[in-house]
Amino acid sequence: MDKIKLVVEEITDTSMQPCSGNLLVYLEIDSLSSQLQYGDLLYLDASVMPIQRQMNPNAFNFAQYLHYKNIHYQSFVRTGEWRKIDAHQGNFVTTQLYQLRSNLLHILETHISDETGFAVASAILLGYRAELTEEVVTAYSDTGAIHVLSVSGLHVGIVFWLIELLLSRLSSHSLAQRLLKLSLALTGIWLFALLTGASASVLRAATMFSFIIVGKHLNRNSNIYNNLAAAAFFSLLYNPFLLFEVGFQLSYLAVMGIAFFQKRLYSLWIPENFILNYAWQLTTVSLAAQIPVAPITLYYFHQFPLYFWLSSLIVIPASGLLLALGILLFFVAPLVPMFSSVVGKLLDLLIQFINGAIFWIQQLPGGLLKGVWINYYELILLDVLVAMVMFATVTQKVKHWLWCGTLFAAFLASQAVGKIIHHVNHEMVVYHVNKTSVIDFFDGRSVYSLVASDATPKQIKYSVEQHRWAKHANKLKTWQLHDTLTITQPHFWMQYPYFQFYEQRWVIVQDERWQNHTDSLRVDGVLILGNPYLEINTLAQTFQARIFVFDASNNFRATQTWMKACHELGLNCVDVRNTGAFVTQE
C-alpha cells in the first residue's frame, strides 16, 4: 500500500463537520492512487484509528516518531473507498515548488541511465528519496555516508558559493544595490532549501548561511557558535518538535564538532604534500563531526560505521562535484540540449563511481560495529563525557582529563553490569509480528528462536532484532517451526508441539492435531498460532493451562471470538495483537 500524509478539513458520521489535523493514510496501490499529487482533495469512506503504539519490547517506536510530526491517527483505505473530488487545493508556492521539482526529476531521469544512479542523484540534488531502495540506503548507512543522501550543509554551502560567484560582478556601491544582492542571495538559499524538502539539516544550514550573508553585507564577521545557536532558535521557533528529530540532533552536533575539533585535529599533523594535506583535512572534518555524534548514533541506530573516514574521502568531494554538475545540468537542459547531454553523461559516470565506491567499502571486512546497545542514562553519560573532553581540551588541566577518564570508566562499568544482569536472565518472548510468528527464548546471552516459515528478514529486523541487542545476546540459534521439529539444548527442549524452557512447559496449537488427545494434560501455557480450528471449551478441557496466548498470526475476528469464550470460562488469556508482545521470565 502507498503511504501518504493528508491534512483533514472535514469529518462526517451523519453530516460534515469542520476539523483540522494530519492523518496518515495507507492507500491500496492502483492506477488512480499512483496519479495523486500534492493539492488533490480526497473523500475517504474509511475508519480513522489511533496510531498503534509500540508493540514489541525495545522496538522502534513508530507512534512516538509520528507524534513529533504531529500525526496521531491513521486509516487504511482500499480501492473504491476513496475518490478525488478536486485538485490544486494546496498552497500555491508549495505547488509550484513541487512542479519545479517534478520537472527537474524528469531532467535527471532523461540523462541518467541507471535506476540506482537516478535514485541517488535525486536524493543528493533534490532531497527526493522515494526511489531509494533499502539496499542502497543500507550500503550508505553501513559506510557512514548516509548524510550524503540527505541534502545538508554541504549542499547549501556549495549553493551559497555559486550564488556569491554569480553576484560578485554586481555593483555594491549604493544601498539599493546592496539590498538587491542581499535579497537575491537569501532568495537563492531558501529556494533551494524549500525545493529540497526543508529538512532539519537544510533549515539549519540555510539559517546559518543567511546570518553569514547578512553579516557580510553589514560588514560584520560572524561567529560560528552564535550562528549555530541562532539557527537552532529560529528553527525551533518555526517547529518545536524538530528538537526531537534525530536528523536535527545529528546536524547540530556534527557542525558543533567540526567547529570545535577540526582545527585542533588538523594541527596535529600538517602534511606538505598537497594531496595528503587535502585528504587529511577531509579526514579531520569526518573525525571532528563523529566525536559528538557517536553517542546518539549508538543510542538510536545501535551501530557505528568504522570506515566513515574512508567513505568521506570519496563522497564529500565527489558529491560536491555532483551537485555542481547537477545544477549546471538543470540550467542548460532547457537551453542547450547538446551540451546538456555531455553534462548528463559526466553526471551519470560520477554517480556510478560514487555508488561503486560505497558498495566496495561496504564489502570490506570489519567495517561495521553492529548490535551495540546503550540505554538512556549511558547516552547522557557519554554526552557529558564529550562535553568534558571539550572543556579539558580548552583548559588543558590534568584534573579535567582525569574526569574524562572517570566518566569513560563509569560508562564501561555500566555496560559490564548490564551484561552480567542479562547473563543470568531467562525469558520467553512471543513477539507481535503481523500475520506470522516469532518466539525467542533468552538463556543468558544465548537466544533460541522459533520462526514461522512465512516470517521475512525485514519483519524480524524491525520487530525482534533490537530486543536481542538490548539483552546483549551474542549467540543465536534459529529453527523454523514445523510438525516434526525436535530440539535439545541446555534448558530448552522441544518435541513438537511440546516444549519446555527451564521449568515452564508449553504446548503449541497450530493445527487440529490437539483434538487427538483423549486425556487432560497439565501445562503452564498454550500458545495458539496460525488460525487453527478451535473450540475453546474443548481446548481448555484438553489442556489445563495457567494461560492461553494468541499471537498476531491469528485472524483478528477469530481471536476476538476466542478471547470472548476464554473470558466467559474464566480462563487467563492474552491477545498479543492488542496487548503487544507476551513476555514471561523464569
Protein backbone atom coordinates (compact mmCIF):
# COMPACT_ATOMS: atom_id res chain seq x y z
CA MET A 1 0.00 0.00 0.00
CA ASP A 2 1.09 3.60 -0.64
CA LYS A 3 1.65 5.74 2.47
CA ILE A 4 0.61 9.41 2.26
CA LYS A 5 0.01 12.26 4.71
CA LEU A 6 -3.30 14.12 4.41
CA VAL A 7 -4.47 17.35 6.02
CA VAL A 8 -8.05 16.76 7.19
CA GLU A 9 -10.57 19.55 6.59
CA GLU A 10 -13.89 17.86 7.37
CA ILE A 11 -15.06 14.64 9.00
CA THR A 12 -18.51 13.06 8.98
CA ASP A 13 -20.64 10.49 10.71
CA THR A 14 -24.05 11.66 9.61
CA SER A 15 -23.16 15.20 8.49
CA MET A 16 -19.96 17.02 7.52
CA GLN A 17 -18.21 18.77 10.40
CA PRO A 18 -15.15 21.04 10.05
CA CYS A 19 -11.97 19.74 11.66
CA SER A 20 -8.23 20.06 11.26
CA GLY A 21 -5.19 17.85 11.73
CA ASN A 22 -2.91 15.41 9.96
CA LEU A 23 -3.87 11.87 9.00
CA LEU A 24 -1.58 9.05 7.88
CA VAL A 25 -3.37 7.14 5.11
CA TYR A 26 -2.39 3.80 3.59
CA LEU A 27 -3.89 3.64 0.09
CA GLU A 28 -4.15 0.41 -1.87
CA ILE A 29 -1.90 0.81 -4.91
CA ASP A 30 -3.74 1.10 -8.23
CA SER A 31 -3.71 3.24 -11.36
CA LEU A 32 -5.63 6.05 -9.64
CA SER A 33 -3.61 6.27 -6.41
CA SER A 34 -0.34 6.42 -8.39
CA GLN A 35 -1.56 9.62 -10.11
CA LEU A 36 -2.30 11.58 -6.93
CA GLN A 37 -0.43 14.86 -6.49
CA TYR A 38 0.05 17.50 -3.85
CA GLY A 39 -3.08 19.66 -3.58
CA ASP A 40 -5.59 16.95 -4.56
CA LEU A 41 -8.75 16.94 -2.41
CA LEU A 42 -9.96 13.45 -1.48
CA TYR A 43 -13.13 12.00 0.01
CA LEU A 44 -12.46 8.87 2.09
CA ASP A 45 -15.09 6.35 3.14
CA ALA A 46 -12.97 4.75 5.84
CA SER A 47 -12.43 4.39 9.56
CA VAL A 48 -9.89 6.51 11.43
CA MET A 49 -7.94 4.93 14.27
CA PRO A 50 -5.09 5.97 16.58
CA ILE A 51 -1.56 5.11 15.51
CA GLN A 52 -0.68 1.74 17.01
CA ARG A 53 1.63 2.01 20.00
CA GLN A 54 4.95 0.21 20.26
CA MET A 55 4.04 -3.50 20.43
CA ASN A 56 7.42 -5.16 20.96
CA PRO A 57 10.00 -4.53 23.71
CA ASN A 58 12.81 -2.17 22.66
CA ALA A 59 11.48 -1.93 19.08
CA PHE A 60 11.37 1.33 17.14
CA ASN A 61 8.52 3.47 18.49
CA PHE A 62 6.72 4.46 15.29
CA ALA A 63 3.84 6.11 17.19
CA GLN A 64 6.24 8.42 19.04
CA TYR A 65 8.09 9.19 15.80
CA LEU A 66 4.81 10.30 14.19
CA HIS A 67 3.75 12.15 17.35
CA TYR A 68 6.69 14.54 16.91
CA LYS A 69 5.49 15.10 13.34
CA ASN A 70 2.04 15.97 14.72
CA ILE A 71 0.42 12.83 13.26
CA HIS A 72 -1.70 10.85 15.71
CA TYR A 73 -4.24 8.94 13.59
CA GLN A 74 -4.17 6.59 10.62
CA SER A 75 -6.54 5.00 8.13
CA PHE A 76 -6.31 2.00 5.80
CA VAL A 77 -8.18 2.66 2.56
CA ARG A 78 -8.86 0.15 -0.20
CA THR A 79 -9.67 0.76 -3.84
CA GLY A 80 -13.25 2.03 -4.13
CA GLU A 81 -13.26 3.56 -0.64
CA TRP A 82 -11.97 6.93 -1.81
CA ARG A 83 -12.42 9.37 -4.66
CA LYS A 84 -10.77 12.54 -5.84
CA ILE A 85 -13.20 15.46 -5.68
CA ASP A 86 -10.94 18.41 -6.53
CA ALA A 87 -7.38 19.40 -7.43
CA HIS A 88 -4.96 22.31 -6.94
CA GLN A 89 -6.18 23.00 -3.39
CA GLY A 90 -2.73 23.22 -1.80
CA ASN A 91 -0.54 26.19 -1.02
CA PHE A 92 0.34 28.00 -4.27
CA VAL A 93 4.06 28.36 -3.53
CA THR A 94 4.38 24.74 -2.41
CA THR A 95 2.52 23.59 -5.52
CA GLN A 96 4.94 25.49 -7.76
CA LEU A 97 7.93 24.06 -5.88
CA TYR A 98 6.61 20.51 -6.32
CA GLN A 99 6.03 21.18 -10.02
CA LEU A 100 9.54 22.55 -10.40
CA ARG A 101 10.99 19.54 -8.60
CA SER A 102 8.97 17.23 -10.85
CA ASN A 103 10.44 18.94 -13.93
CA LEU A 104 13.97 18.67 -12.54
CA LEU A 105 13.43 14.98 -11.73
CA HIS A 106 12.39 14.44 -15.34
CA ILE A 107 15.65 16.05 -16.50
CA LEU A 108 17.63 13.68 -14.27
CA GLU A 109 15.66 10.66 -15.45
CA THR A 110 16.38 11.62 -19.06
CA HIS A 111 20.14 11.87 -18.57
CA ILE A 112 20.86 9.10 -16.03
CA SER A 113 20.63 5.58 -17.40
CA ASP A 114 20.72 3.55 -14.19
CA GLU A 115 17.79 3.32 -11.73
CA THR A 116 20.09 3.27 -8.71
CA GLY A 117 22.02 6.23 -10.11
CA PHE A 118 18.80 8.17 -10.66
CA ALA A 119 17.66 7.41 -7.10
CA VAL A 120 20.96 8.59 -5.60
CA ALA A 121 21.12 11.71 -7.79
CA SER A 122 17.52 12.61 -6.89
CA ALA A 123 18.32 12.30 -3.19
CA ILE A 124 21.56 14.29 -3.30
CA LEU A 125 20.39 17.05 -5.64
CA LEU A 126 16.72 17.43 -4.73
CA GLY A 127 16.17 15.63 -1.43
CA TYR A 128 13.79 13.21 -3.21
CA ARG A 129 14.26 9.81 -1.53
CA ALA A 130 11.21 7.91 -2.80
CA GLU A 131 13.24 5.94 -5.37
CA LEU A 132 15.96 4.81 -2.96
CA THR A 133 15.98 1.06 -2.38
CA GLU A 134 16.68 -0.49 1.01
CA GLU A 135 19.90 -1.97 -0.42
CA VAL A 136 21.24 1.48 -1.33
CA VAL A 137 20.24 3.08 1.98
CA THR A 138 21.84 0.19 3.90
CA ALA A 139 25.09 0.50 1.92
CA TYR A 140 25.38 4.23 2.57
CA SER A 141 24.42 3.76 6.22
CA ASP A 142 26.92 0.93 6.79
CA THR A 143 29.75 3.03 5.37
CA GLY A 144 28.94 6.24 7.26
CA ALA A 145 27.89 8.11 4.12
CA ILE A 146 24.14 8.25 4.74
CA HIS A 147 24.31 12.02 5.29
CA VAL A 148 25.18 12.43 1.60
CA LEU A 149 21.73 11.11 0.64
CA SER A 150 20.12 13.88 2.67
CA VAL A 151 20.50 17.45 1.46
CA SER A 152 22.63 19.08 4.16
CA GLY A 153 25.03 21.89 4.94
CA LEU A 154 27.47 20.62 2.29
CA HIS A 155 24.88 21.15 -0.42
CA VAL A 156 23.72 24.51 0.92
CA GLY A 157 27.35 25.62 1.19
CA ILE A 158 28.00 24.86 -2.48
CA VAL A 159 24.82 26.70 -3.50
CA PHE A 160 25.95 29.64 -1.34
CA TRP A 161 29.35 29.65 -3.09
CA LEU A 162 27.71 29.55 -6.54
CA ILE A 163 25.35 32.41 -5.65
CA GLU A 164 28.24 34.51 -4.33
CA LEU A 165 30.16 33.79 -7.55
CA LEU A 166 27.23 34.84 -9.73
CA LEU A 167 26.57 38.01 -7.71
CA SER A 168 30.22 39.02 -7.44
CA ARG A 169 30.04 41.10 -10.62
CA LEU A 170 27.09 43.14 -9.40
CA SER A 171 27.99 46.56 -8.05
CA SER A 172 27.57 47.19 -4.30
CA HIS A 173 28.11 50.94 -4.16
CA SER A 174 24.59 52.09 -3.32
CA LEU A 175 22.28 50.88 -0.56
CA ALA A 176 19.74 49.72 -3.15
CA GLN A 177 22.38 47.58 -4.91
CA ARG A 178 23.50 46.00 -1.64
CA LEU A 179 19.89 45.25 -0.69
CA LEU A 180 19.32 43.70 -4.14
CA LYS A 181 22.35 41.41 -3.76
CA LEU A 182 21.26 40.51 -0.23
CA SER A 183 17.72 39.71 -1.39
CA LEU A 184 18.92 37.59 -4.34
CA ALA A 185 21.37 35.65 -2.16
CA LEU A 186 18.78 34.93 0.55
CA THR A 187 16.16 34.01 -2.06
CA GLY A 188 18.53 31.55 -3.73
CA ILE A 189 19.46 29.87 -0.45
CA TRP A 190 15.87 29.50 0.75
CA LEU A 191 14.51 28.49 -2.65
CA PHE A 192 16.98 25.61 -2.65
CA ALA A 193 16.09 24.73 0.96
CA LEU A 194 12.36 24.63 0.22
CA LEU A 195 12.83 22.82 -3.09
CA THR A 196 14.73 20.01 -1.37
CA GLY A 197 12.16 19.44 1.37
CA ALA A 198 13.31 21.77 4.17
CA SER A 199 14.75 19.00 6.36
CA ALA A 200 16.33 19.84 9.72
CA SER A 201 19.85 19.86 8.28
CA VAL A 202 18.81 22.10 5.38
CA LEU A 203 16.92 24.52 7.65
CA ARG A 204 19.94 24.70 9.94
CA ALA A 205 22.35 25.30 7.06
CA ALA A 206 20.07 27.79 5.31
CA THR A 207 19.56 29.76 8.52
CA MET A 208 23.29 29.75 9.28
CA PHE A 209 24.26 30.92 5.80
CA SER A 210 21.53 33.56 5.98
CA PHE A 211 23.23 35.02 9.06
CA ILE A 212 26.59 34.85 7.27
CA ILE A 213 25.16 36.63 4.21
CA VAL A 214 23.52 39.35 6.31
CA GLY A 215 26.69 39.80 8.38
CA LYS A 216 28.79 40.05 5.25
CA HIS A 217 26.56 42.71 3.75
CA LEU A 218 26.68 44.61 7.05
CA ASN A 219 30.49 44.25 7.04
CA ARG A 220 30.45 42.22 10.26
CA ASN A 221 32.29 38.97 10.96
CA SER A 222 30.04 36.18 12.19
CA ASN A 223 30.75 33.70 14.99
CA ILE A 224 30.02 30.05 14.15
CA TYR A 225 28.60 29.26 17.60
CA ASN A 226 26.34 32.32 17.55
CA ASN A 227 25.15 31.34 14.07
CA LEU A 228 24.53 27.79 15.24
CA ALA A 229 22.56 28.96 18.29
CA ALA A 230 20.53 31.43 16.23
CA ALA A 231 19.80 28.81 13.58
CA ALA A 232 18.59 26.38 16.26
CA PHE A 233 16.47 29.06 17.93
CA PHE A 234 14.65 30.12 14.77
CA SER A 235 14.24 26.53 13.57
CA LEU A 236 12.64 25.57 16.89
CA LEU A 237 10.54 28.72 16.83
CA TYR A 238 9.18 27.51 13.49
CA ASN A 239 8.68 23.92 14.71
CA PRO A 240 9.48 23.00 18.36
CA PHE A 241 9.13 19.27 17.57
CA LEU A 242 12.31 19.49 15.49
CA LEU A 243 14.18 19.18 18.80
CA PHE A 244 13.15 15.51 18.98
CA GLU A 245 14.11 14.65 15.39
CA VAL A 246 17.26 12.57 15.08
CA GLY A 247 18.28 14.49 11.96
CA PHE A 248 18.10 17.80 13.82
CA GLN A 249 20.22 16.48 16.69
CA LEU A 250 22.79 14.89 14.37
CA SER A 251 23.00 18.01 12.24
CA TYR A 252 23.73 20.46 15.04
CA LEU A 253 26.08 18.15 16.94
CA ALA A 254 28.07 17.42 13.77
CA VAL A 255 28.54 21.11 12.98
CA MET A 256 29.46 21.85 16.58
CA GLY A 257 32.03 19.05 16.47
CA ILE A 258 33.55 20.33 13.23
CA ALA A 259 33.71 23.88 14.57
CA PHE A 260 35.43 22.82 17.80
CA PHE A 261 37.61 19.82 16.94
CA GLN A 262 38.59 20.10 13.25
CA LYS A 263 41.35 22.72 13.50
CA ARG A 264 42.73 21.10 16.65
CA LEU A 265 42.90 17.69 14.97
CA TYR A 266 44.35 19.13 11.77
CA SER A 267 47.13 20.88 13.68
CA LEU A 268 48.40 17.53 14.98
CA TRP A 269 49.90 16.82 11.55
CA ILE A 270 50.21 19.21 8.61
CA PRO A 271 51.44 17.32 5.51
CA GLU A 272 53.46 19.29 2.97
CA ASN A 273 52.14 17.27 0.04
CA PHE A 274 49.01 18.93 -1.40
CA ILE A 275 47.05 15.70 -1.93
CA LEU A 276 47.94 14.35 1.51
CA ASN A 277 47.07 17.69 3.06
CA TYR A 278 43.65 17.75 1.37
CA ALA A 279 42.95 14.13 2.37
CA TRP A 280 43.97 14.87 5.97
CA GLN A 281 41.66 17.92 6.06
CA LEU A 282 38.72 15.77 4.92
CA THR A 283 39.64 13.10 7.47
CA THR A 284 39.79 15.60 10.33
CA VAL A 285 36.40 17.02 9.30
CA SER A 286 34.92 13.50 9.46
CA LEU A 287 36.59 12.72 12.79
CA ALA A 288 35.52 16.04 14.29
CA ALA A 289 31.90 15.50 13.25
CA GLN A 290 31.81 11.96 14.65
CA ILE A 291 33.06 12.79 18.15
CA PRO A 292 29.83 14.45 19.43
CA VAL A 293 27.62 12.43 17.06
CA ALA A 294 28.84 8.96 18.11
CA PRO A 295 26.76 8.68 21.35
CA ILE A 296 23.39 9.36 19.72
CA THR A 297 24.36 7.24 16.70
CA LEU A 298 24.85 4.29 19.03
CA TYR A 299 21.70 5.13 21.01
CA TYR A 300 19.34 5.44 18.04
CA PHE A 301 20.86 3.10 15.45
CA HIS A 302 22.86 0.62 17.60
CA GLN A 303 25.67 0.53 15.08
CA PHE A 304 28.73 2.55 14.14
CA PRO A 305 30.45 2.61 10.72
CA LEU A 306 34.19 2.24 11.28
CA TYR A 307 35.10 3.22 7.72
CA PHE A 308 33.31 6.59 7.83
CA TRP A 309 36.66 8.33 7.29
CA LEU A 310 37.31 6.33 4.10
CA SER A 311 33.86 6.95 2.62
CA SER A 312 34.18 10.65 3.43
CA LEU A 313 37.44 10.88 1.47
CA ILE A 314 35.47 9.81 -1.60
CA VAL A 315 31.90 11.01 -1.25
CA ILE A 316 32.45 14.53 0.13
CA PRO A 317 34.47 15.87 -2.83
CA ALA A 318 32.54 13.70 -5.29
CA SER A 319 29.13 14.82 -4.03
CA GLY A 320 30.26 18.44 -4.19
CA LEU A 321 31.21 17.96 -7.83
CA LEU A 322 27.95 16.08 -8.40
CA LEU A 323 25.94 18.99 -7.01
CA ALA A 324 27.78 21.47 -9.24
CA LEU A 325 27.21 19.30 -12.33
CA GLY A 326 23.57 18.75 -11.38
CA ILE A 327 22.84 22.47 -11.01
CA LEU A 328 24.62 23.10 -14.33
CA LEU A 329 22.51 20.38 -15.96
CA PHE A 330 19.28 21.92 -14.65
CA PHE A 331 20.22 25.27 -16.22
CA VAL A 332 21.48 24.04 -19.61
CA ALA A 333 18.99 21.21 -20.27
CA PRO A 334 16.14 23.52 -21.44
CA LEU A 335 18.54 25.87 -23.27
CA VAL A 336 21.35 23.85 -24.88
CA PRO A 337 20.27 20.20 -25.30
CA MET A 338 23.55 19.14 -26.98
CA PHE A 339 25.67 20.50 -24.13
CA SER A 340 23.28 19.06 -21.55
CA SER A 341 23.86 15.55 -22.90
CA VAL A 342 27.60 15.96 -22.21
CA VAL A 343 26.95 17.26 -18.69
CA GLY A 344 24.42 14.48 -18.12
CA LYS A 345 26.93 11.82 -19.18
CA LEU A 346 29.55 13.23 -16.80
CA LEU A 347 26.94 13.25 -14.02
CA ASP A 348 25.97 9.66 -14.80
CA LEU A 349 29.60 8.48 -14.68
CA LEU A 350 30.23 10.34 -11.43
CA ILE A 351 27.21 8.73 -9.74
CA GLN A 352 28.32 5.28 -10.91
CA PHE A 353 31.74 5.98 -9.38
CA ILE A 354 30.22 7.10 -6.04
CA ASN A 355 27.89 4.09 -5.83
CA GLY A 356 30.67 1.70 -6.82
CA ALA A 357 32.95 3.12 -4.13
CA ILE A 358 30.25 2.89 -1.45
CA PHE A 359 29.37 -0.72 -2.25
CA TRP A 360 33.09 -1.60 -2.34
CA ILE A 361 33.69 -0.05 1.09
CA GLN A 362 30.63 -1.89 2.44
CA GLN A 363 32.23 -5.22 1.49
CA LEU A 364 35.48 -4.50 3.36
CA PRO A 365 35.85 -6.72 6.46
CA GLY A 366 35.29 -5.27 9.92
CA GLY A 367 33.66 -2.12 8.65
CA LEU A 368 30.57 -2.05 10.87
CA LEU A 369 30.22 -2.23 14.64
CA LYS A 370 26.66 -3.60 14.95
CA GLY A 371 24.31 -4.59 17.73
CA VAL A 372 25.63 -2.06 20.27
CA TRP A 373 23.02 -1.20 22.89
CA ILE A 374 23.29 1.76 25.25
CA ASN A 375 20.45 2.92 27.48
CA TYR A 376 19.30 6.50 28.06
CA TYR A 377 21.46 7.00 31.14
CA GLU A 378 24.53 5.75 29.30
CA LEU A 379 23.72 8.19 26.49
CA ILE A 380 23.70 11.06 29.00
CA LEU A 381 26.97 9.76 30.44
CA LEU A 382 28.61 9.77 27.00
CA ASP A 383 27.25 13.24 26.20
CA VAL A 384 28.70 14.58 29.45
CA LEU A 385 31.97 12.84 28.56
CA VAL A 386 32.10 14.63 25.18
CA ALA A 387 31.38 17.96 26.87
CA MET A 388 34.12 17.27 29.44
CA VAL A 389 36.59 16.38 26.65
CA MET A 390 35.83 19.74 25.01
CA PHE A 391 36.27 21.52 28.34
CA ALA A 392 39.53 19.70 29.09
CA THR A 393 40.80 20.49 25.60
CA VAL A 394 40.36 24.19 26.31
CA THR A 395 41.72 24.21 29.89
CA GLN A 396 44.45 21.57 29.37
CA LYS A 397 44.30 20.74 33.09
CA VAL A 398 45.16 17.23 34.27
CA LYS A 399 42.23 17.07 36.72
CA HIS A 400 39.77 17.68 33.89
CA TRP A 401 41.31 14.87 31.83
CA LEU A 402 41.02 12.65 34.90
CA TRP A 403 37.32 13.48 35.00
CA CYS A 404 37.11 12.34 31.36
CA GLY A 405 38.75 9.05 32.31
CA THR A 406 36.38 8.63 35.25
CA LEU A 407 33.31 9.20 33.07
CA PHE A 408 34.54 6.71 30.48
CA ALA A 409 35.25 4.14 33.21
CA ALA A 410 31.72 4.69 34.56
CA PHE A 411 30.31 4.00 31.08
CA LEU A 412 32.31 0.78 30.74
CA ALA A 413 31.20 -0.30 34.23
CA SER A 414 27.54 0.33 33.33
CA GLN A 415 27.90 -1.79 30.19
CA ALA A 416 29.57 -4.57 32.16
CA VAL A 417 26.84 -4.58 34.82
CA GLY A 418 24.17 -4.77 32.10
CA LYS A 419 25.83 -7.79 30.53
CA ILE A 420 26.12 -9.52 33.91
CA ILE A 421 22.42 -8.91 34.65
CA HIS A 422 21.36 -10.31 31.28
CA HIS A 423 23.74 -13.25 31.67
CA VAL A 424 21.56 -14.63 34.48
CA ASN A 425 18.26 -13.66 32.82
CA HIS A 426 15.88 -16.31 31.42
CA GLU A 427 12.99 -15.01 29.34
CA MET A 428 10.46 -16.19 26.77
CA VAL A 429 9.07 -13.62 24.32
CA VAL A 430 6.15 -14.12 21.92
CA TYR A 431 6.54 -11.16 19.59
CA HIS A 432 3.86 -9.13 17.88
CA VAL A 433 4.71 -9.76 14.21
CA ASN A 434 1.79 -9.19 11.86
CA LYS A 435 0.41 -12.38 10.26
CA THR A 436 3.33 -14.56 11.34
CA SER A 437 5.05 -15.97 14.44
CA VAL A 438 8.42 -15.43 16.14
CA ILE A 439 9.19 -16.75 19.64
CA ASP A 440 12.53 -16.13 21.39
CA PHE A 441 13.95 -17.91 24.43
CA PHE A 442 16.71 -15.94 26.18
CA ASP A 443 19.07 -18.12 28.20
CA GLY A 444 21.64 -15.66 29.48
CA ARG A 445 23.28 -14.18 26.40
CA SER A 446 22.16 -17.07 24.19
CA VAL A 447 18.86 -16.90 22.36
CA TYR A 448 16.90 -19.78 20.83
CA SER A 449 14.36 -18.66 18.26
CA LEU A 450 11.32 -20.39 16.73
CA VAL A 451 10.26 -18.72 13.49
CA ALA A 452 7.29 -19.40 11.21
CA SER A 453 8.14 -20.27 7.61
CA ASP A 454 6.47 -17.11 6.29
CA ALA A 455 8.35 -14.67 8.57
CA THR A 456 10.57 -12.36 6.50
CA PRO A 457 14.02 -11.00 7.45
CA LYS A 458 12.54 -7.48 7.29
CA GLN A 459 9.86 -8.37 9.87
CA ILE A 460 12.47 -9.86 12.19
CA LYS A 461 14.73 -6.83 11.76
CA TYR A 462 12.07 -4.30 12.76
CA SER A 463 10.16 -6.31 15.38
CA VAL A 464 12.72 -8.59 17.03
CA GLU A 465 16.35 -7.63 16.42
CA GLN A 466 16.59 -4.63 18.75
CA HIS A 467 15.30 -6.59 21.76
CA ARG A 468 18.03 -9.16 21.19
CA TRP A 469 20.59 -6.35 21.16
CA ALA A 470 19.09 -4.87 24.33
CA LYS A 471 19.57 -8.25 26.01
CA HIS A 472 23.22 -8.28 24.87
CA ALA A 473 22.54 -11.63 23.18
CA ASN A 474 25.60 -12.77 21.23
CA LYS A 475 24.66 -16.36 20.36
CA LEU A 476 21.60 -17.01 18.18
CA LYS A 477 20.16 -20.34 17.09
CA THR A 478 17.06 -20.33 14.89
CA TRP A 479 14.64 -23.11 13.94
CA GLN A 480 11.76 -22.95 11.50
CA LEU A 481 8.52 -24.20 13.02
CA HIS A 482 7.26 -27.48 11.50
CA ASP A 483 5.36 -30.51 12.74
CA THR A 484 8.42 -32.78 13.20
CA LEU A 485 10.68 -30.24 14.92
CA THR A 486 12.90 -31.66 17.67
CA ILE A 487 15.31 -29.51 19.71
CA THR A 488 17.65 -30.41 22.56
CA GLN A 489 19.56 -27.50 24.09
CA PRO A 490 20.67 -26.62 27.63
CA HIS A 491 17.47 -25.61 29.47
CA PHE A 492 15.39 -25.75 26.25
CA TRP A 493 13.76 -28.91 24.91
CA MET A 494 11.18 -29.36 22.17
CA GLN A 495 9.30 -32.28 20.66
CA TYR A 496 6.68 -30.57 18.51
CA PRO A 497 4.11 -29.45 19.61
CA TYR A 498 5.50 -29.54 23.18
CA PHE A 499 8.42 -27.55 24.54
CA GLN A 500 9.99 -26.90 27.93
CA PHE A 501 12.09 -23.87 28.86
CA TYR A 502 13.62 -24.32 32.31
CA GLU A 503 10.60 -25.31 34.46
CA GLN A 504 7.92 -23.95 32.11
CA ARG A 505 6.05 -26.48 29.96
CA TRP A 506 4.06 -25.28 26.96
CA VAL A 507 2.16 -26.68 24.02
CA ILE A 508 1.78 -25.10 20.58
CA VAL A 509 -1.64 -25.35 18.94
CA GLN A 510 -1.19 -24.67 15.23
CA ASP A 511 -3.49 -27.22 13.61
CA GLU A 512 -6.25 -29.70 14.53
CA ARG A 513 -3.86 -32.32 15.91
CA TRP A 514 -4.55 -31.29 19.50
CA GLN A 515 -8.00 -32.87 19.22
CA ASN A 516 -6.37 -36.33 19.17
CA HIS A 517 -5.63 -36.08 22.92
CA THR A 518 -8.01 -38.19 24.97
CA ASP A 519 -6.56 -37.40 28.40
CA SER A 520 -6.29 -34.00 30.02
CA LEU A 521 -2.73 -32.64 30.14
CA ARG A 522 -1.48 -30.08 32.66
CA VAL A 523 0.81 -27.40 31.13
CA ASP A 524 1.94 -23.91 32.05
CA GLY A 525 0.67 -22.35 28.86
CA VAL A 526 -0.94 -22.91 25.47
CA LEU A 527 0.39 -20.92 22.51
CA ILE A 528 -2.10 -20.62 19.64
CA LEU A 529 -0.60 -19.81 16.22
CA GLY A 530 -1.68 -19.65 12.59
CA ASN A 531 -5.52 -19.76 12.75
CA PRO A 532 -6.21 -23.36 13.83
CA TYR A 533 -9.74 -24.66 14.19
CA LEU A 534 -10.59 -24.15 17.88
CA GLU A 535 -13.35 -24.74 20.34
CA ILE A 536 -12.13 -23.03 23.49
CA ASN A 537 -14.23 -25.17 25.81
CA THR A 538 -12.76 -28.39 24.38
CA LEU A 539 -9.24 -26.90 24.28
CA ALA A 540 -9.47 -25.93 27.96
CA GLN A 541 -10.55 -29.46 28.87
CA THR A 542 -7.69 -30.96 26.84
CA PHE A 543 -5.01 -28.68 28.28
CA GLN A 544 -5.26 -27.47 31.86
CA ALA A 545 -3.15 -24.34 31.42
CA ARG A 546 -2.44 -21.27 33.51
CA ILE A 547 -2.62 -19.06 30.42
CA PHE A 548 -3.70 -19.15 26.76
CA VAL A 549 -1.70 -16.90 24.41
CA PHE A 550 -2.93 -15.91 20.93
CA ASP A 551 -0.21 -14.35 18.77
CA ALA A 552 -0.60 -11.92 15.84
CA SER A 553 -0.56 -14.68 13.21
CA ASN A 554 -4.19 -15.46 14.03
CA ASN A 555 -7.16 -13.88 12.29
CA PHE A 556 -8.41 -10.75 14.08
CA ARG A 557 -12.08 -11.79 14.22
CA ALA A 558 -11.28 -15.36 15.21
CA THR A 559 -9.07 -14.11 18.05
CA GLN A 560 -11.86 -11.84 19.28
CA THR A 561 -14.22 -14.83 19.38
CA TRP A 562 -11.66 -16.97 21.24
CA MET A 563 -10.90 -14.23 23.74
CA LYS A 564 -14.61 -13.77 24.45
CA ALA A 565 -15.01 -17.50 25.04
CA CYS A 566 -11.97 -17.52 27.37
CA HIS A 567 -13.40 -14.66 29.43
CA GLU A 568 -16.76 -16.42 29.72
CA LEU A 569 -14.99 -19.53 31.04
CA GLY A 570 -12.82 -17.50 33.43
CA LEU A 571 -9.60 -18.50 31.64
CA ASN A 572 -6.46 -16.38 31.78
CA CYS A 573 -5.74 -15.30 28.20
CA VAL A 574 -3.62 -12.83 26.22
CA ASP A 575 -4.14 -11.41 22.73
CA VAL A 576 -0.70 -10.33 21.52
CA ARG A 577 -2.29 -8.33 18.68
CA ASN A 578 -3.89 -5.98 21.25
CA THR A 579 -1.55 -6.06 24.25
CA GLY A 580 1.80 -6.36 22.49
CA ALA A 581 4.49 -8.98 22.94
CA PHE A 582 3.94 -11.59 25.63
CA VAL A 583 6.96 -11.84 27.94
CA THR A 584 7.42 -14.37 30.71
CA GLN A 585 10.52 -14.80 32.88
CA GLU A 586 11.76 -17.96 34.53
